[in-house]
Amino acid sequence: MFLLGTIVNGLLIIIGVILGKFLNRIPEGMKSTVMHAIGLAVMILGMQMGFKSANFLIVIISLVFGAVIGEYFDLDRKLNALGEWIEKKVGKNDGQGSIAQGFVTATLIFVIGAMAIIGALDSGIRGDHDVLYTKGIIDGFTAIILTTTLGVGVIFSVIPVVIYQGVIALFATQINQVVPELLLNSFIAEMTATGGAMIVAIGLNLLGLTKIRVANLLPGIAVVAFIVTIIYYVQPLIG
């Protein structure tokens, strides 16, 4: 069952949110400190991902052009609008934080990163769900912490996570047949580094130091795929 890893990942996030909801009665001062701790941890994770790049120029170009595309289509506003629509449907807030903020922040953290792509490919091609099981455990613990500070809006991040990973798993065999292994590995490395920069931005936002519109950087992932593909096919001709 190629979707088993994705389903387990989603269920572990839901369990994490439920457990986090039981831990929501913590003092405001402690909640603020925990939020800062999350921000720092997220930044460290992002920096670790950033060092995966073999050519950081690709990361810079991808972020710049991704930002231009994201700003043009105003993706951050649209993602937040979706979160606010969910908020209106289920209630203004849960007494902890904005449902929209919880949804957007958790979605970006859970979706950006190599484990989602690698895990979904393993599930679809080999029926090996170990990577997504591991990601699910990490996401579950992250969901607990995020829920204590941002509220139950985190639970709605399950929807984009399941759709994103499920689609990759569904088409994994076709991707494996069409995309050369070397090209795919190069894309994953540069995508991880580019996503790492976005994760750092999320951490800075959680610390309250910046208000970076992270969703507007997401097209940078597509730009990475374009640049890496061009390099893969052009480099042998000029080398």
Protein backbone atom coordinates (compact mmCIF):
# COMPACT_ATOMS: atom_id res chain seq x y z
CA MET A 1 0.00 0.00 0.00
CA PHE A 2 1.97 2.99 -1.30
CA LEU A 3 0.02 5.53 0.79
CA LEU A 4 0.57 3.78 4.12
CA GLY A 5 3.57 5.93 5.08
CA THR A 6 1.69 9.13 4.25
CA ILE A 7 -1.38 8.02 6.20
CA VAL A 8 0.72 7.12 9.25
CA ASN A 9 2.51 10.50 8.98
CA GLY A 10 -0.84 12.28 9.00
CA LEU A 11 -2.18 10.23 11.92
CA LEU A 12 0.93 10.95 14.01
CA ILE A 13 0.45 14.70 13.43
CA ILE A 14 -3.17 14.40 14.58
CA ILE A 15 -2.10 12.45 17.68
CA GLY A 16 0.54 15.11 18.37
CA VAL A 17 -2.07 17.87 18.17
CA ILE A 18 -4.40 15.99 20.53
CA LEU A 19 -1.60 15.48 23.07
CA GLY A 20 -0.55 19.12 22.67
CA LYS A 21 -4.13 20.21 23.37
CA PHE A 22 -3.99 18.47 26.76
CA LEU A 23 -0.80 20.40 27.55
CA ASN A 24 -2.22 23.81 26.66
CA ARG A 25 -2.73 25.02 30.22
CA ILE A 26 0.76 26.39 30.67
CA PRO A 27 1.58 29.90 31.93
CA GLU A 28 1.94 32.64 29.32
CA GLY A 29 5.55 33.29 30.29
CA MET A 30 6.42 29.64 29.83
CA LYS A 31 4.50 29.57 26.55
CA SER A 32 6.53 32.53 25.25
CA THR A 33 9.81 30.89 26.23
CA VAL A 34 8.74 27.62 24.61
CA MET A 35 7.87 29.52 21.42
CA HIS A 36 11.34 31.05 21.38
CA ALA A 37 12.87 27.61 21.96
CA ILE A 38 10.88 26.26 18.99
CA GLY A 39 12.08 29.17 16.86
CA LEU A 40 15.71 28.46 17.75
CA ALA A 41 15.32 24.73 17.10
CA VAL A 42 13.66 25.40 13.74
CA MET A 43 16.50 27.75 12.77
CA ILE A 44 19.12 25.10 13.63
CA LEU A 45 17.21 22.56 11.53
CA GLY A 46 17.09 25.00 8.63
CA MET A 47 20.82 25.74 8.84
CA GLN A 48 21.62 22.02 8.84
CA MET A 49 19.51 21.62 5.71
CA GLY A 50 21.17 24.63 4.11
CA PHE A 51 24.62 23.03 4.29
CA LYS A 52 23.44 20.17 2.04
CA SER A 53 23.96 22.31 -1.07
CA ALA A 54 26.76 21.43 -3.47
CA ASN A 55 26.38 24.76 -5.26
CA PHE A 56 25.02 27.54 -3.07
CA LEU A 57 24.64 29.83 -6.09
CA ILE A 58 21.69 27.64 -7.11
CA VAL A 59 20.10 28.28 -3.71
CA ILE A 60 20.55 32.05 -3.98
CA ILE A 61 19.16 32.27 -7.52
CA SER A 62 16.25 29.97 -6.63
CA LEU A 63 15.30 32.02 -3.58
CA VAL A 64 15.50 35.31 -5.50
CA PHE A 65 13.46 34.21 -8.50
CA GLY A 66 11.15 32.20 -6.26
CA ALA A 67 10.48 35.32 -4.21
CA VAL A 68 9.67 37.31 -7.37
CA ILE A 69 7.21 34.65 -8.53
CA GLY A 70 5.70 34.26 -5.06
CA GLU A 71 5.24 38.00 -4.63
CA TYR A 72 3.70 38.29 -8.09
CA PHE A 73 1.09 35.64 -7.28
CA ASP A 74 0.89 36.73 -3.61
CA LEU A 75 1.04 33.14 -2.38
CA ASP A 76 1.54 34.05 1.27
CA ARG A 77 -1.66 36.11 1.37
CA LYS A 78 -3.58 33.31 -0.35
CA LEU A 79 -2.29 30.66 2.04
CA ASN A 80 -3.14 32.86 5.01
CA ALA A 81 -6.56 33.56 3.48
CA LEU A 82 -7.13 29.80 3.35
CA GLY A 83 -6.14 29.58 7.00
CA GLU A 84 -8.49 32.43 7.89
CA TRP A 85 -11.31 30.72 5.96
CA ILE A 86 -10.74 27.57 8.01
CA GLU A 87 -10.66 29.72 11.14
CA LYS A 88 -14.06 31.22 10.32
CA LYS A 89 -15.52 27.77 9.68
CA VAL A 90 -14.33 26.19 12.91
CA GLY A 91 -14.26 29.20 15.22
CA LYS A 92 -12.27 32.39 15.68
CA ASN A 93 -9.55 30.79 17.82
CA ASP A 94 -9.06 28.14 20.46
CA GLY A 95 -7.89 30.40 23.24
CA GLN A 96 -4.23 29.85 22.39
CA GLY A 97 -3.44 31.35 19.04
CA SER A 98 -4.74 32.06 15.60
CA ILE A 99 -5.95 28.92 13.83
CA ALA A 100 -4.70 30.46 10.58
CA GLN A 101 -1.21 30.98 12.03
CA GLY A 102 -1.07 27.44 13.36
CA PHE A 103 -2.18 26.02 10.01
CA VAL A 104 0.25 28.07 7.91
CA THR A 105 3.28 27.64 10.18
CA ALA A 106 2.81 23.89 10.64
CA THR A 107 2.13 23.36 6.92
CA LEU A 108 5.37 25.06 5.94
CA ILE A 109 7.41 23.16 8.54
CA PHE A 110 5.93 19.74 7.69
CA VAL A 111 5.96 20.11 3.89
CA ILE A 112 9.33 21.79 3.27
CA GLY A 113 12.21 19.35 3.42
CA ALA A 114 13.78 16.34 1.79
CA MET A 115 12.17 13.69 4.00
CA ALA A 116 8.74 14.33 2.50
CA ILE A 117 9.99 13.78 -1.06
CA ILE A 118 12.44 10.94 -0.33
CA GLY A 119 9.95 9.18 1.92
CA ALA A 120 7.10 9.47 -0.57
CA LEU A 121 9.32 8.19 -3.40
CA ASP A 122 10.41 5.21 -1.27
CA SER A 123 6.79 4.46 -0.45
CA GLY A 124 5.68 4.61 -4.07
CA ILE A 125 8.62 2.83 -5.71
CA ARG A 126 9.71 0.23 -3.16
CA GLY A 127 6.83 0.11 -0.72
CA ASP A 128 9.35 1.13 1.97
CA HIS A 129 7.68 3.48 4.45
CA ASP A 130 10.51 3.78 7.01
CA VAL A 131 11.44 7.36 6.07
CA LEU A 132 7.85 8.57 6.36
CA TYR A 133 7.42 6.68 9.63
CA THR A 134 10.47 8.52 10.96
CA LYS A 135 9.19 11.83 9.58
CA GLY A 136 5.81 11.11 11.16
CA ILE A 137 7.39 10.64 14.59
CA ILE A 138 9.33 13.89 14.21
CA ASP A 139 6.23 15.71 12.94
CA GLY A 140 4.16 14.27 15.78
CA PHE A 141 6.49 15.61 18.47
CA THR A 142 6.72 18.93 16.62
CA ALA A 143 2.91 19.07 16.47
CA ILE A 144 2.74 18.63 20.25
CA ILE A 145 4.98 21.65 20.82
CA LEU A 146 3.38 23.79 18.12
CA THR A 147 -0.11 23.07 19.45
CA THR A 148 0.81 24.22 22.97
CA THR A 149 1.80 27.61 21.55
CA LEU A 150 -0.12 28.10 18.28
CA GLY A 151 -3.26 26.09 19.05
CA VAL A 152 -5.25 23.40 17.27
CA GLY A 153 -4.95 25.12 13.88
CA VAL A 154 -1.88 22.89 13.52
CA ILE A 155 -4.18 19.91 12.89
CA PHE A 156 -5.32 21.32 9.54
CA SER A 157 -1.76 21.03 8.21
CA VAL A 158 -2.48 17.31 7.85
CA ILE A 159 -4.49 18.04 4.68
CA PRO A 160 -1.67 19.58 2.57
CA VAL A 161 0.86 17.09 4.01
CA VAL A 162 -1.22 14.07 2.96
CA ILE A 163 -2.03 15.55 -0.47
CA TYR A 164 1.59 16.57 -1.17
CA GLN A 165 3.19 13.31 -0.09
CA GLY A 166 0.35 11.22 -1.49
CA VAL A 167 0.69 12.71 -4.97
CA ILE A 168 4.46 12.11 -4.98
CA ALA A 169 3.96 8.51 -3.83
CA LEU A 170 1.24 7.99 -6.44
CA PHE A 171 3.49 9.11 -9.31
CA ALA A 172 6.75 7.83 -7.80
CA THR A 173 7.20 5.02 -10.33
CA GLN A 174 6.75 7.41 -13.26
CA ILE A 175 9.15 9.93 -11.67
CA ASN A 176 11.75 7.20 -11.16
CA GLN A 177 11.45 6.10 -14.81
CA VAL A 178 11.58 9.60 -16.32
CA VAL A 179 14.08 11.40 -14.08
CA PRO A 180 17.71 10.10 -14.05
CA GLU A 181 18.92 9.12 -10.58
CA LEU A 182 21.83 11.61 -10.65
CA LEU A 183 19.48 14.45 -11.59
CA LEU A 184 17.00 13.47 -8.87
CA ASN A 185 19.73 13.30 -6.23
CA SER A 186 21.05 16.71 -7.28
CA PHE A 187 17.55 18.18 -7.11
CA ILE A 188 16.93 16.73 -3.65
CA ALA A 189 20.23 18.16 -2.33
CA GLU A 190 19.60 21.67 -3.69
CA MET A 191 15.92 21.56 -2.78
CA THR A 192 16.87 20.60 0.77
CA ALA A 193 19.26 23.55 1.02
CA THR A 194 16.74 25.98 -0.46
CA GLY A 195 14.03 24.66 1.83
CA GLY A 196 16.48 25.03 4.72
CA ALA A 197 16.68 28.78 4.07
CA MET A 198 12.88 28.92 4.24
CA ILE A 199 12.92 26.95 7.50
CA VAL A 200 15.37 29.48 8.95
CA ALA A 201 12.95 32.23 7.93
CA ILE A 202 10.14 30.42 9.76
CA GLY A 203 12.34 30.23 12.86
CA LEU A 204 13.05 33.97 12.69
CA ASN A 205 9.32 34.64 12.40
CA LEU A 206 8.58 32.42 15.41
CA LEU A 207 11.17 34.40 17.39
CA GLY A 208 9.34 37.57 16.43
CA LEU A 209 12.47 39.04 14.83
CA THR A 210 11.06 39.20 11.30
CA LYS A 211 7.81 38.93 9.36
CA ILE A 212 9.14 37.16 6.29
CA ARG A 213 6.39 36.01 3.91
CA VAL A 214 7.79 32.48 3.70
CA ALA A 215 5.04 31.10 1.46
CA ASN A 216 6.12 33.61 -1.20
CA LEU A 217 9.48 31.82 -1.31
CA LEU A 218 7.95 28.42 -2.11
CA PRO A 219 8.24 28.81 -5.93
CA GLY A 220 11.98 28.66 -5.29
CA ILE A 221 11.59 24.86 -5.12
CA ALA A 222 10.32 24.83 -8.72
CA VAL A 223 13.15 27.16 -9.73
CA VAL A 224 15.63 24.69 -8.19
CA ALA A 225 14.18 21.91 -10.35
CA PHE A 226 14.51 24.08 -13.47
CA ILE A 227 18.11 25.16 -12.78
CA VAL A 228 19.32 21.69 -11.78
CA THR A 229 17.76 20.19 -14.92
CA ILE A 230 19.40 22.79 -17.16
CA ILE A 231 22.79 22.19 -15.53
CA TYR A 232 22.42 18.41 -15.80
CA TYR A 233 21.79 18.47 -19.55
CA VAL A 234 23.94 21.47 -20.53
CA GLN A 235 27.08 20.80 -18.47
CA PRO A 236 28.18 17.70 -20.47
CA LEU A 237 27.88 19.73 -23.70
CA ILE A 238 30.16 22.51 -22.49
CA GLY A 239 32.42 20.33 -20.31
